[in-house]
Amino acid sequence: MTSSENTIETCRVAIILPTYNGATYLGALLDSIGDQTSSAWHLLASDDGSSDTSKEILQAFKAQYPEQVSLFDGPQNGITANYLSLINRVDSNTAITAFCDQDDIWLDTRLSRIIEALGDEQTPTLYCGRTQLIDAQGKQLRLSPARLRPPSFENALCQNIASGNTMAFNTTALRMLQRNSSTAQDIPFHDWWAYQLITGAAGRVVHDVIPTLLYRQHSANAVGAATGFRGALRRVGRVAVRDLSTDVDLHLAALEAADDILTPQNARLVGKLQQSRRSGPLSRLFGTLKGGLYRQTRAGTLGLWASALLGRF
C-alpha cells in the first residue's frame, strides 16, 4: 500500500451507516469510530424507522461530534435502499467513502489503512478485506476465509468476495455508484452490485489481508458469515441447491442498464450470459464455462456449474 506524504492528515472519509433497531451493539460501533487513529472522517447515518433507542444513540454521538456527524431519516424500504440513499447523500468530491454496519467494531487503524490503500488513485478502486469474526458477546471466533483467486468481473458475476461492511471507495468509484444507483433500486445486495459495477468498468480491487474490523455474528445479522464445518457445507450447498436465479436476474438487469460504463468486453459477457441463461441446461452450463465465471473455491465453482445446469443461476 502506498500514499502521498500528507494523505492521511488531509483526506476526508465519508462513513455511511444505515441503522435499524440496532441499539444493542450500535454504541460499541460508534465508540470505535470515535477511537480511530485518523480523525479525518464524517459520519452520515440514516435510521430506517427504528422502534428501539437507535436514534437516541445516534443523537448522543452527534452531540459528542457535532461537526462530524449528519443524521437522516431512511427510506424505510430495507437495508439496500438505505445504503443507496446514503451513497447519494455523499458529496461527489469526497476522497473516500466507507460502508459501515451497525453491529461491528472497527479496529482503531481501520481508517488509516483505508486511506493508505486508496491513496491518490484515479482509477475507480474498491477497498475490502478480511474480518475477525466475533460472537454476540465479543468473543473471537476465527478469521473470515482468505481469498484464493483474484478479484475480477468473472468472479463478481457469481460471487461477492468481501463483506460489504469492509468496503470503501475512492472518488471515481463513488461517482460511478452514484451515477448508476437509480437503475439499481431493485437489487438485493448493494455490496455485490458495487463489486460487479467496479470490476465491470475495469476498476481495481484492493483486498486487505489484515482484518480492520470485528464482524459480529448474532441471530439478527442481515447476512452474516457461516462459521465452522457446518457453515462451510452450507456455503457449498447454497451454490448448488439455492435458487439464485432471481437475485442474478436483478443484478444482471442493473448491469445491463449500466452498460455504458462497462468495458465493451464485459458488456458483451453480460449479454451472452443472459442469452445462455434463457436456454436449456447445456446452453446454461456452456455459457457459464465459456464466460470464465468462477468462485473462490473448486467446490464453489462446481456448485456454480451444477446450479447453471439446474437453472438456479
C-alpha atoms as a PDB file:
ATOM      1  CA  MET A   1       0.000   0.000   0.000  1.00  0.00           C
ATOM      2  CA  THR A   2       1.249   3.464  -0.858  1.00  0.00           C
ATOM      3  CA  SER A   3       0.148   7.015  -0.174  1.00  0.00           C
ATOM      4  CA  SER A   4       1.369  10.549  -0.595  1.00  0.00           C
ATOM      5  CA  GLU A   5       3.196  12.037   2.381  1.00  0.00           C
ATOM      6  CA  ASN A   6       0.257  14.002   3.771  1.00  0.00           C
ATOM      7  CA  THR A   7      -2.701  11.925   2.577  1.00  0.00           C
ATOM      8  CA  ILE A   8      -3.712  10.589   5.979  1.00  0.00           C
ATOM      9  CA  GLU A   9      -3.745  14.055   7.563  1.00  0.00           C
ATOM     10  CA  THR A  10      -5.742  15.781   4.819  1.00  0.00           C
ATOM     11  CA  CYS A  11      -8.082  13.101   3.491  1.00  0.00           C
ATOM     12  CA  ARG A  12     -11.765  13.285   4.438  1.00  0.00           C
ATOM     13  CA  VAL A  13     -13.572   9.968   4.660  1.00  0.00           C
ATOM     14  CA  ALA A  14     -17.366   9.782   4.487  1.00  0.00           C
ATOM     15  CA  ILE A  15     -18.646   6.868   6.571  1.00  0.00           C
ATOM     16  CA  ILE A  16     -22.166   5.816   5.623  1.00  0.00           C
ATOM     17  CA  LEU A  17     -24.146   3.966   8.275  1.00  0.00           C
ATOM     18  CA  PRO A  18     -27.710   2.671   7.823  1.00  0.00           C
ATOM     19  CA  THR A  19     -29.382   1.746  11.107  1.00  0.00           C
ATOM     20  CA  TYR A  20     -32.500  -0.161  12.076  1.00  0.00           C
ATOM     21  CA  ASN A  21     -33.235  -1.415  15.593  1.00  0.00           C
ATOM     22  CA  GLY A  22     -29.513  -1.735  16.251  1.00  0.00           C
ATOM     23  CA  ALA A  23     -29.356  -0.287  19.755  1.00  0.00           C
ATOM     24  CA  THR A  24     -27.830  -3.415  21.296  1.00  0.00           C
ATOM     25  CA  TYR A  25     -24.487  -3.016  19.527  1.00  0.00           C
ATOM     26  CA  LEU A  26     -24.622   0.465  17.999  1.00  0.00           C
ATOM     27  CA  GLY A  27     -22.886   2.221  20.872  1.00  0.00           C
ATOM     28  CA  ALA A  28     -19.832  -0.036  20.614  1.00  0.00           C
ATOM     29  CA  LEU A  29     -19.561   0.648  16.877  1.00  0.00           C
ATOM     30  CA  LEU A  30     -19.796   4.417  17.315  1.00  0.00           C
ATOM     31  CA  ASP A  31     -17.200   4.367  20.097  1.00  0.00           C
ATOM     32  CA  SER A  32     -14.833   2.511  17.755  1.00  0.00           C
ATOM     33  CA  ILE A  33     -15.311   5.176  15.077  1.00  0.00           C
ATOM     34  CA  GLY A  34     -14.530   7.881  17.607  1.00  0.00           C
ATOM     35  CA  ASP A  35     -11.382   5.991  18.629  1.00  0.00           C
ATOM     36  CA  GLN A  36      -9.854   5.902  15.118  1.00  0.00           C
ATOM     37  CA  THR A  37      -6.233   6.972  14.828  1.00  0.00           C
ATOM     38  CA  SER A  38      -7.327   9.159  11.911  1.00  0.00           C
ATOM     39  CA  SER A  39      -9.852  11.890  12.720  1.00  0.00           C
ATOM     40  CA  ALA A  40     -10.464  12.758   9.047  1.00  0.00           C
ATOM     41  CA  TRP A  41     -13.991  11.309   8.969  1.00  0.00           C
ATOM     42  CA  HIS A  42     -17.582  12.459   8.643  1.00  0.00           C
ATOM     43  CA  LEU A  43     -20.383  10.064   9.580  1.00  0.00           C
ATOM     44  CA  LEU A  44     -23.642  10.053   7.613  1.00  0.00           C
ATOM     45  CA  ALA A  45     -26.177   7.883   9.447  1.00  0.00           C
ATOM     46  CA  SER A  46     -29.676   7.109   8.192  1.00  0.00           C
ATOM     47  CA  ASP A  47     -32.137   5.461  10.564  1.00  0.00           C
ATOM     48  CA  ASP A  48     -34.860   3.407   8.883  1.00  0.00           C
ATOM     49  CA  GLY A  49     -37.634   3.922  11.451  1.00  0.00           C
ATOM     50  CA  SER A  50     -36.210   2.103  14.460  1.00  0.00           C
ATOM     51  CA  SER A  51     -38.541   1.310  17.342  1.00  0.00           C
ATOM     52  CA  ASP A  52     -35.679   0.947  19.845  1.00  0.00           C
ATOM     53  CA  THR A  53     -33.245   3.626  21.059  1.00  0.00           C
ATOM     54  CA  SER A  54     -31.041   3.650  17.924  1.00  0.00           C
ATOM     55  CA  LYS A  55     -31.934   7.262  17.064  1.00  0.00           C
ATOM     56  CA  GLU A  56     -31.197   8.433  20.592  1.00  0.00           C
ATOM     57  CA  ILE A  57     -27.795   6.716  20.499  1.00  0.00           C
ATOM     58  CA  LEU A  58     -27.018   8.420  17.180  1.00  0.00           C
ATOM     59  CA  GLN A  59     -28.128  11.792  18.536  1.00  0.00           C
ATOM     60  CA  ALA A  60     -25.875  11.369  21.585  1.00  0.00           C
ATOM     61  CA  PHE A  61     -22.947  10.603  19.284  1.00  0.00           C
ATOM     62  CA  LYS A  62     -23.733  13.692  17.222  1.00  0.00           C
ATOM     63  CA  ALA A  63     -23.704  15.783  20.387  1.00  0.00           C
ATOM     64  CA  GLN A  64     -20.225  14.417  21.055  1.00  0.00           C
ATOM     65  CA  TYR A  65     -19.020  15.134  17.490  1.00  0.00           C
ATOM     66  CA  PRO A  66     -21.364  17.888  16.231  1.00  0.00           C
ATOM     67  CA  GLU A  67     -19.232  18.857  13.212  1.00  0.00           C
ATOM     68  CA  GLN A  68     -18.552  15.280  12.120  1.00  0.00           C
ATOM     69  CA  VAL A  69     -21.985  13.629  12.240  1.00  0.00           C
ATOM     70  CA  SER A  70     -25.025  14.115   9.994  1.00  0.00           C
ATOM     71  CA  LEU A  71     -28.292  12.270  10.715  1.00  0.00           C
ATOM     72  CA  PHE A  72     -31.090  11.454   8.266  1.00  0.00           C
ATOM     73  CA  ASP A  73     -34.344   9.531   8.065  1.00  0.00           C
ATOM     74  CA  GLY A  74     -34.093   6.452   5.875  1.00  0.00           C
ATOM     75  CA  PRO A  75     -36.443   5.418   3.031  1.00  0.00           C
ATOM     76  CA  GLN A  76     -37.787   2.507   5.139  1.00  0.00           C
ATOM     77  CA  ASN A  77     -37.528   0.065   2.263  1.00  0.00           C
ATOM     78  CA  GLY A  78     -34.803  -2.274   3.514  1.00  0.00           C
ATOM     79  CA  ILE A  79     -31.060  -2.083   4.066  1.00  0.00           C
ATOM     80  CA  THR A  80     -30.098  -1.939   0.373  1.00  0.00           C
ATOM     81  CA  ALA A  81     -32.403   1.017  -0.261  1.00  0.00           C
ATOM     82  CA  ASN A  82     -30.997   2.738   2.814  1.00  0.00           C
ATOM     83  CA  TYR A  83     -27.418   2.219   1.619  1.00  0.00           C
ATOM     84  CA  LEU A  84     -28.279   3.560  -1.838  1.00  0.00           C
ATOM     85  CA  SER A  85     -29.919   6.629  -0.296  1.00  0.00           C
ATOM     86  CA  LEU A  86     -26.779   7.304   1.732  1.00  0.00           C
ATOM     87  CA  ILE A  87     -24.483   6.843  -1.264  1.00  0.00           C
ATOM     88  CA  ASN A  88     -26.340   9.699  -2.927  1.00  0.00           C
ATOM     89  CA  ARG A  89     -26.007  11.930   0.141  1.00  0.00           C
ATOM     90  CA  VAL A  90     -22.204  11.872  -0.038  1.00  0.00           C
ATOM     91  CA  ASP A  91     -20.586  14.868  -1.712  1.00  0.00           C
ATOM     92  CA  SER A  92     -19.311  13.609  -5.068  1.00  0.00           C
ATOM     93  CA  ASN A  93     -15.915  15.217  -4.401  1.00  0.00           C
ATOM     94  CA  THR A  94     -15.361  13.220  -1.208  1.00  0.00           C
ATOM     95  CA  ALA A  95     -11.993  11.482  -1.364  1.00  0.00           C
ATOM     96  CA  ILE A  96     -13.084   8.191   0.226  1.00  0.00           C
ATOM     97  CA  THR A  97     -16.444   6.665   1.132  1.00  0.00           C
ATOM     98  CA  ALA A  98     -16.653   3.718   3.529  1.00  0.00           C
ATOM     99  CA  PHE A  99     -19.572   1.370   4.168  1.00  0.00           C
ATOM    100  CA  CYS A 100     -20.362   0.653   7.811  1.00  0.00           C
ATOM    101  CA  ASP A 101     -22.681  -1.846   9.556  1.00  0.00           C
ATOM    102  CA  GLN A 102     -24.367  -1.083  12.860  1.00  0.00           C
ATOM    103  CA  ASP A 103     -23.184  -4.105  14.837  1.00  0.00           C
ATOM    104  CA  ASP A 104     -19.442  -4.280  14.105  1.00  0.00           C
ATOM    105  CA  ILE A 105     -16.442  -2.870  15.945  1.00  0.00           C
ATOM    106  CA  TRP A 106     -13.805  -1.013  13.945  1.00  0.00           C
ATOM    107  CA  LEU A 107     -10.167  -1.575  14.887  1.00  0.00           C
ATOM    108  CA  ASP A 108      -8.537   1.783  15.590  1.00  0.00           C
ATOM    109  CA  THR A 109      -6.335   1.763  12.459  1.00  0.00           C
ATOM    110  CA  ARG A 110      -9.124   0.900  10.007  1.00  0.00           C
ATOM    111  CA  LEU A 111      -9.495   4.386   8.521  1.00  0.00           C
ATOM    112  CA  SER A 112      -5.740   4.902   8.284  1.00  0.00           C
ATOM    113  CA  ARG A 113      -5.339   1.610   6.407  1.00  0.00           C
ATOM    114  CA  ILE A 114      -8.172   2.524   4.017  1.00  0.00           C
ATOM    115  CA  ILE A 115      -6.656   5.948   3.338  1.00  0.00           C
ATOM    116  CA  GLU A 116      -3.227   4.450   2.746  1.00  0.00           C
ATOM    117  CA  ALA A 117      -4.620   1.752   0.453  1.00  0.00           C
ATOM    118  CA  LEU A 118      -6.652   4.100  -1.749  1.00  0.00           C
ATOM    119  CA  GLY A 119      -4.181   6.982  -1.714  1.00  0.00           C
ATOM    120  CA  ASP A 120      -4.448   9.292  -4.739  1.00  0.00           C
ATOM    121  CA  GLU A 121      -5.558   6.564  -7.153  1.00  0.00           C
ATOM    122  CA  GLN A 122      -7.678   7.919 -10.046  1.00  0.00           C
ATOM    123  CA  THR A 123      -8.832   4.555 -11.402  1.00  0.00           C
ATOM    124  CA  PRO A 124     -12.157   3.519  -9.802  1.00  0.00           C
ATOM    125  CA  THR A 125     -10.991   1.492  -6.814  1.00  0.00           C
ATOM    126  CA  LEU A 126     -12.755  -0.640  -4.233  1.00  0.00           C
ATOM    127  CA  TYR A 127     -11.081  -1.477  -0.924  1.00  0.00           C
ATOM    128  CA  CYS A 128     -12.223  -4.540   1.014  1.00  0.00           C
ATOM    129  CA  GLY A 129     -10.651  -7.098   3.317  1.00  0.00           C
ATOM    130  CA  ARG A 130     -10.761  -9.932   5.749  1.00  0.00           C
ATOM    131  CA  THR A 131     -12.551  -9.652   9.070  1.00  0.00           C
ATOM    132  CA  GLN A 132     -12.156 -11.082  12.541  1.00  0.00           C
ATOM    133  CA  LEU A 133     -15.408 -12.831  13.365  1.00  0.00           C
ATOM    134  CA  ILE A 134     -16.737 -12.461  16.907  1.00  0.00           C
ATOM    135  CA  ASP A 135     -19.842 -13.791  18.623  1.00  0.00           C
ATOM    136  CA  ALA A 136     -22.648 -11.730  20.121  1.00  0.00           C
ATOM    137  CA  GLN A 137     -20.651 -11.233  23.338  1.00  0.00           C
ATOM    138  CA  GLY A 138     -17.483 -10.179  21.506  1.00  0.00           C
ATOM    139  CA  LYS A 139     -15.554 -13.441  21.821  1.00  0.00           C
ATOM    140  CA  GLN A 140     -13.237 -14.010  18.867  1.00  0.00           C
ATOM    141  CA  LEU A 141     -14.234 -16.922  16.617  1.00  0.00           C
ATOM    142  CA  ARG A 142     -11.987 -17.053  13.537  1.00  0.00           C
ATOM    143  CA  LEU A 143     -10.833 -15.016  10.579  1.00  0.00           C
ATOM    144  CA  SER A 144     -13.049 -14.763   7.526  1.00  0.00           C
ATOM    145  CA  PRO A 145     -11.871 -17.008   4.653  1.00  0.00           C
ATOM    146  CA  ALA A 146      -8.810 -15.990   2.681  1.00  0.00           C
ATOM    147  CA  ARG A 147      -9.356 -15.144  -0.978  1.00  0.00           C
ATOM    148  CA  LEU A 148      -7.710 -17.864  -3.059  1.00  0.00           C
ATOM    149  CA  ARG A 149      -8.335 -16.444  -6.520  1.00  0.00           C
ATOM    150  CA  PRO A 150      -8.023 -12.873  -7.825  1.00  0.00           C
ATOM    151  CA  PRO A 151     -10.962 -10.447  -7.900  1.00  0.00           C
ATOM    152  CA  SER A 152     -12.455  -9.948 -11.357  1.00  0.00           C
ATOM    153  CA  PHE A 153     -15.704  -9.333 -13.195  1.00  0.00           C
ATOM    154  CA  GLU A 154     -15.924 -13.072 -13.957  1.00  0.00           C
ATOM    155  CA  ASN A 155     -15.875 -13.721 -10.219  1.00  0.00           C
ATOM    156  CA  ALA A 156     -18.185 -10.810  -9.412  1.00  0.00           C
ATOM    157  CA  LEU A 157     -20.910 -12.116 -11.725  1.00  0.00           C
ATOM    158  CA  CYS A 158     -21.413 -15.144  -9.466  1.00  0.00           C
ATOM    159  CA  GLN A 159     -19.933 -14.209  -6.079  1.00  0.00           C
ATOM    160  CA  ASN A 160     -19.170 -11.284  -3.812  1.00  0.00           C
ATOM    161  CA  ILE A 161     -15.681 -11.824  -2.412  1.00  0.00           C
ATOM    162  CA  ALA A 162     -15.913  -9.414   0.528  1.00  0.00           C
ATOM    163  CA  SER A 163     -18.251  -8.437   3.284  1.00  0.00           C
ATOM    164  CA  GLY A 164     -19.893  -5.136   2.434  1.00  0.00           C
ATOM    165  CA  ASN A 165     -19.013  -3.844   5.888  1.00  0.00           C
ATOM    166  CA  THR A 166     -15.333  -3.796   4.845  1.00  0.00           C
ATOM    167  CA  MET A 167     -15.842  -1.881   1.587  1.00  0.00           C
ATOM    168  CA  ALA A 168     -14.553   1.601   0.829  1.00  0.00           C
ATOM    169  CA  PHE A 169     -14.269   3.531  -2.445  1.00  0.00           C
ATOM    170  CA  ASN A 170     -12.276   6.360  -3.950  1.00  0.00           C
ATOM    171  CA  THR A 171     -13.886   9.410  -5.579  1.00  0.00           C
ATOM    172  CA  THR A 172     -14.028   7.906  -9.062  1.00  0.00           C
ATOM    173  CA  ALA A 173     -15.747   4.758  -7.806  1.00  0.00           C
ATOM    174  CA  LEU A 174     -18.177   6.789  -5.660  1.00  0.00           C
ATOM    175  CA  ARG A 175     -19.298   8.819  -8.665  1.00  0.00           C
ATOM    176  CA  MET A 176     -19.809   5.604 -10.605  1.00  0.00           C
ATOM    177  CA  LEU A 177     -22.034   4.208  -7.851  1.00  0.00           C
ATOM    178  CA  GLN A 178     -23.983   7.460  -7.587  1.00  0.00           C
ATOM    179  CA  ARG A 179     -24.484   7.686 -11.336  1.00  0.00           C
ATOM    180  CA  ASN A 180     -25.945   4.186 -11.514  1.00  0.00           C
ATOM    181  CA  SER A 181     -27.859   3.999  -8.235  1.00  0.00           C
ATOM    182  CA  SER A 182     -31.180   4.929  -9.865  1.00  0.00           C
ATOM    183  CA  THR A 183     -31.081   1.763 -12.002  1.00  0.00           C
ATOM    184  CA  ALA A 184     -30.134  -0.417  -9.020  1.00  0.00           C
ATOM    185  CA  GLN A 185     -33.213   0.141  -6.865  1.00  0.00           C
ATOM    186  CA  ASP A 186     -34.341  -3.477  -7.172  1.00  0.00           C
ATOM    187  CA  ILE A 187     -31.024  -5.189  -6.444  1.00  0.00           C
ATOM    188  CA  PRO A 188     -30.982  -7.405  -3.332  1.00  0.00           C
ATOM    189  CA  PHE A 189     -27.316  -6.790  -2.402  1.00  0.00           C
ATOM    190  CA  HIS A 190     -25.715  -3.343  -2.504  1.00  0.00           C
ATOM    191  CA  ASP A 191     -22.213  -4.691  -1.850  1.00  0.00           C
ATOM    192  CA  TRP A 192     -22.359  -7.367  -4.543  1.00  0.00           C
ATOM    193  CA  TRP A 193     -23.589  -4.714  -7.005  1.00  0.00           C
ATOM    194  CA  ALA A 194     -20.685  -2.439  -6.094  1.00  0.00           C
ATOM    195  CA  TYR A 195     -18.169  -5.245  -6.706  1.00  0.00           C
ATOM    196  CA  GLN A 196     -19.804  -6.062 -10.046  1.00  0.00           C
ATOM    197  CA  LEU A 197     -20.016  -2.475 -11.222  1.00  0.00           C
ATOM    198  CA  ILE A 198     -16.444  -1.508 -10.396  1.00  0.00           C
ATOM    199  CA  THR A 199     -14.817  -4.640 -11.824  1.00  0.00           C
ATOM    200  CA  GLY A 200     -17.115  -4.439 -14.848  1.00  0.00           C
ATOM    201  CA  ALA A 201     -15.718  -0.981 -15.566  1.00  0.00           C
ATOM    202  CA  ALA A 202     -12.139  -2.305 -15.276  1.00  0.00           C
ATOM    203  CA  GLY A 203     -11.710  -0.778 -11.839  1.00  0.00           C
ATOM    204  CA  ARG A 204      -9.282  -2.032  -9.216  1.00  0.00           C
ATOM    205  CA  VAL A 205      -9.999  -4.103  -6.121  1.00  0.00           C
ATOM    206  CA  VAL A 206      -7.615  -3.837  -3.166  1.00  0.00           C
ATOM    207  CA  HIS A 207      -8.152  -6.757  -0.789  1.00  0.00           C
ATOM    208  CA  ASP A 208      -6.527  -6.205   2.606  1.00  0.00           C
ATOM    209  CA  VAL A 209      -5.364  -9.460   4.187  1.00  0.00           C
ATOM    210  CA  ILE A 210      -5.106  -7.770   7.594  1.00  0.00           C
ATOM    211  CA  PRO A 211      -8.526  -7.509   9.320  1.00  0.00           C
ATOM    212  CA  THR A 212      -9.623  -3.983  10.158  1.00  0.00           C
ATOM    213  CA  LEU A 213     -12.853  -4.747  11.986  1.00  0.00           C
ATOM    214  CA  LEU A 214     -14.575  -7.229  14.279  1.00  0.00           C
ATOM    215  CA  TYR A 215     -17.549  -8.736  12.427  1.00  0.00           C
ATOM    216  CA  ARG A 216     -20.192  -9.636  14.976  1.00  0.00           C
ATOM    217  CA  GLN A 217     -22.209 -12.809  14.369  1.00  0.00           C
ATOM    218  CA  HIS A 218     -25.636 -12.914  16.021  1.00  0.00           C
ATOM    219  CA  SER A 219     -29.186 -14.002  15.376  1.00  0.00           C
ATOM    220  CA  ALA A 220     -30.237 -10.663  13.853  1.00  0.00           C
ATOM    221  CA  ASN A 221     -27.455 -10.417  11.218  1.00  0.00           C
ATOM    222  CA  ALA A 222     -28.811  -9.244   7.866  1.00  0.00           C
ATOM    223  CA  VAL A 223     -26.493 -11.753   6.152  1.00  0.00           C
ATOM    224  CA  GLY A 224     -23.712 -12.934   8.444  1.00  0.00           C
ATOM    225  CA  ALA A 225     -20.836 -15.318   7.802  1.00  0.00           C
ATOM    226  CA  ALA A 226     -21.424 -19.043   8.165  1.00  0.00           C
ATOM    227  CA  THR A 227     -18.920 -20.458  10.635  1.00  0.00           C
ATOM    228  CA  GLY A 228     -17.461 -23.881  11.315  1.00  0.00           C
ATOM    229  CA  PHE A 229     -17.696 -27.114   9.317  1.00  0.00           C
ATOM    230  CA  ARG A 230     -21.464 -26.983   9.047  1.00  0.00           C
ATOM    231  CA  GLY A 231     -21.228 -23.404   7.857  1.00  0.00           C
ATOM    232  CA  ALA A 232     -18.770 -24.419   5.146  1.00  0.00           C
ATOM    233  CA  LEU A 233     -21.107 -27.177   3.991  1.00  0.00           C
ATOM    234  CA  ARG A 234     -23.987 -24.709   3.898  1.00  0.00           C
ATOM    235  CA  ARG A 235     -21.939 -22.319   1.747  1.00  0.00           C
ATOM    236  CA  VAL A 236     -21.147 -25.033  -0.796  1.00  0.00           C
ATOM    237  CA  GLY A 237     -24.669 -26.410  -0.728  1.00  0.00           C
ATOM    238  CA  ARG A 238     -26.239 -22.995  -1.202  1.00  0.00           C
ATOM    239  CA  VAL A 239     -24.456 -22.544  -4.515  1.00  0.00           C
ATOM    240  CA  ALA A 240     -25.735 -25.841  -5.931  1.00  0.00           C
ATOM    241  CA  VAL A 241     -29.166 -26.012  -4.297  1.00  0.00           C
ATOM    242  CA  ARG A 242     -30.359 -22.490  -3.608  1.00  0.00           C
ATOM    243  CA  ASP A 243     -32.244 -20.822  -6.442  1.00  0.00           C
ATOM    244  CA  LEU A 244     -30.053 -17.790  -7.155  1.00  0.00           C
ATOM    245  CA  SER A 245     -31.741 -17.029 -10.443  1.00  0.00           C
ATOM    246  CA  THR A 246     -33.977 -14.213  -9.200  1.00  0.00           C
ATOM    247  CA  ASP A 247     -31.084 -12.429  -7.478  1.00  0.00           C
ATOM    248  CA  VAL A 248     -28.905 -12.882 -10.566  1.00  0.00           C
ATOM    249  CA  ASP A 249     -31.724 -11.592 -12.807  1.00  0.00           C
ATOM    250  CA  LEU A 250     -31.969  -8.369 -10.796  1.00  0.00           C
ATOM    251  CA  HIS A 251     -28.218  -7.805 -10.687  1.00  0.00           C
ATOM    252  CA  LEU A 252     -27.712  -8.520 -14.390  1.00  0.00           C
ATOM    253  CA  ALA A 253     -30.565  -6.134 -15.214  1.00  0.00           C
ATOM    254  CA  ALA A 254     -28.789  -3.405 -13.230  1.00  0.00           C
ATOM    255  CA  LEU A 255     -25.550  -4.147 -15.099  1.00  0.00           C
ATOM    256  CA  GLU A 256     -27.317  -4.024 -18.471  1.00  0.00           C
ATOM    257  CA  ALA A 257     -28.677  -0.597 -17.514  1.00  0.00           C
ATOM    258  CA  ALA A 258     -25.093   0.473 -16.765  1.00  0.00           C
ATOM    259  CA  ASP A 259     -23.566  -0.949 -19.934  1.00  0.00           C
ATOM    260  CA  ASP A 260     -22.228   2.473 -20.934  1.00  0.00           C
ATOM    261  CA  ILE A 261     -19.648   2.268 -18.149  1.00  0.00           C
ATOM    262  CA  LEU A 262     -18.814  -1.410 -18.568  1.00  0.00           C
ATOM    263  CA  THR A 263     -15.920  -2.257 -20.828  1.00  0.00           C
ATOM    264  CA  PRO A 264     -17.113  -3.498 -24.255  1.00  0.00           C
ATOM    265  CA  GLN A 265     -15.847  -6.981 -23.415  1.00  0.00           C
ATOM    266  CA  ASN A 266     -17.716  -7.081 -20.109  1.00  0.00           C
ATOM    267  CA  ALA A 267     -20.898  -5.669 -21.626  1.00  0.00           C
ATOM    268  CA  ARG A 268     -20.784  -8.472 -24.219  1.00  0.00           C
ATOM    269  CA  LEU A 269     -20.208 -11.017 -21.458  1.00  0.00           C
ATOM    270  CA  VAL A 270     -23.346  -9.854 -19.635  1.00  0.00           C
ATOM    271  CA  GLY A 271     -25.385 -10.102 -22.841  1.00  0.00           C
ATOM    272  CA  LYS A 272     -24.099 -13.585 -23.675  1.00  0.00           C
ATOM    273  CA  LEU A 273     -24.662 -14.783 -20.127  1.00  0.00           C
ATOM    274  CA  GLN A 274     -28.230 -13.518 -20.200  1.00  0.00           C
ATOM    275  CA  GLN A 275     -28.834 -15.279 -23.509  1.00  0.00           C
ATOM    276  CA  SER A 276     -27.443 -18.598 -22.271  1.00  0.00           C
ATOM    277  CA  ARG A 277     -29.459 -18.394 -19.039  1.00  0.00           C
ATOM    278  CA  ARG A 278     -32.686 -18.271 -21.074  1.00  0.00           C
ATOM    279  CA  SER A 279     -31.752 -21.500 -22.894  1.00  0.00           C
ATOM    280  CA  GLY A 280     -31.605 -25.192 -21.997  1.00  0.00           C
ATOM    281  CA  PRO A 281     -29.393 -26.871 -19.374  1.00  0.00           C
ATOM    282  CA  LEU A 282     -26.378 -27.490 -21.606  1.00  0.00           C
ATOM    283  CA  SER A 283     -26.507 -23.955 -23.010  1.00  0.00           C
ATOM    284  CA  ARG A 284     -26.646 -22.557 -19.484  1.00  0.00           C
ATOM    285  CA  LEU A 285     -23.632 -24.627 -18.440  1.00  0.00           C
ATOM    286  CA  PHE A 286     -21.731 -23.779 -21.629  1.00  0.00           C
ATOM    287  CA  GLY A 287     -22.440 -20.074 -21.165  1.00  0.00           C
ATOM    288  CA  THR A 288     -21.054 -20.206 -17.623  1.00  0.00           C
ATOM    289  CA  LEU A 289     -17.966 -22.115 -18.726  1.00  0.00           C
ATOM    290  CA  LYS A 290     -17.284 -20.029 -21.837  1.00  0.00           C
ATOM    291  CA  GLY A 291     -17.770 -16.836 -19.860  1.00  0.00           C
ATOM    292  CA  GLY A 292     -14.986 -17.918 -17.490  1.00  0.00           C
ATOM    293  CA  LEU A 293     -17.125 -17.483 -14.379  1.00  0.00           C
ATOM    294  CA  TYR A 294     -15.577 -18.821 -11.189  1.00  0.00           C
ATOM    295  CA  ARG A 295     -15.963 -18.802  -7.438  1.00  0.00           C
ATOM    296  CA  GLN A 296     -13.135 -18.730  -4.936  1.00  0.00           C
ATOM    297  CA  THR A 297     -13.003 -22.484  -4.273  1.00  0.00           C
ATOM    298  CA  ARG A 298     -13.211 -25.532  -6.522  1.00  0.00           C
ATOM    299  CA  ALA A 299     -16.224 -26.771  -4.592  1.00  0.00           C
ATOM    300  CA  GLY A 300     -17.923 -23.417  -5.049  1.00  0.00           C
ATOM    301  CA  THR A 301     -17.241 -23.411  -8.785  1.00  0.00           C
ATOM    302  CA  LEU A 302     -18.568 -26.966  -9.088  1.00  0.00           C
ATOM    303  CA  GLY A 303     -21.670 -25.833  -7.247  1.00  0.00           C
ATOM    304  CA  LEU A 304     -21.990 -22.945  -9.696  1.00  0.00           C
ATOM    305  CA  TRP A 305     -21.861 -25.334 -12.668  1.00  0.00           C
ATOM    306  CA  ALA A 306     -24.483 -27.543 -11.039  1.00  0.00           C
ATOM    307  CA  SER A 307     -26.782 -24.606 -10.373  1.00  0.00           C
ATOM    308  CA  ALA A 308     -26.392 -23.491 -14.016  1.00  0.00           C
ATOM    309  CA  LEU A 309     -27.444 -26.946 -15.210  1.00  0.00           C
ATOM    310  CA  LEU A 310     -30.433 -26.904 -12.850  1.00  0.00           C
ATOM    311  CA  GLY A 311     -31.485 -23.379 -13.880  1.00  0.00           C
ATOM    312  CA  ARG A 312     -30.792 -21.980 -10.428  1.00  0.00           C
ATOM    313  CA  PHE A 313     -28.171 -19.492 -11.577  1.00  0.00           C
END
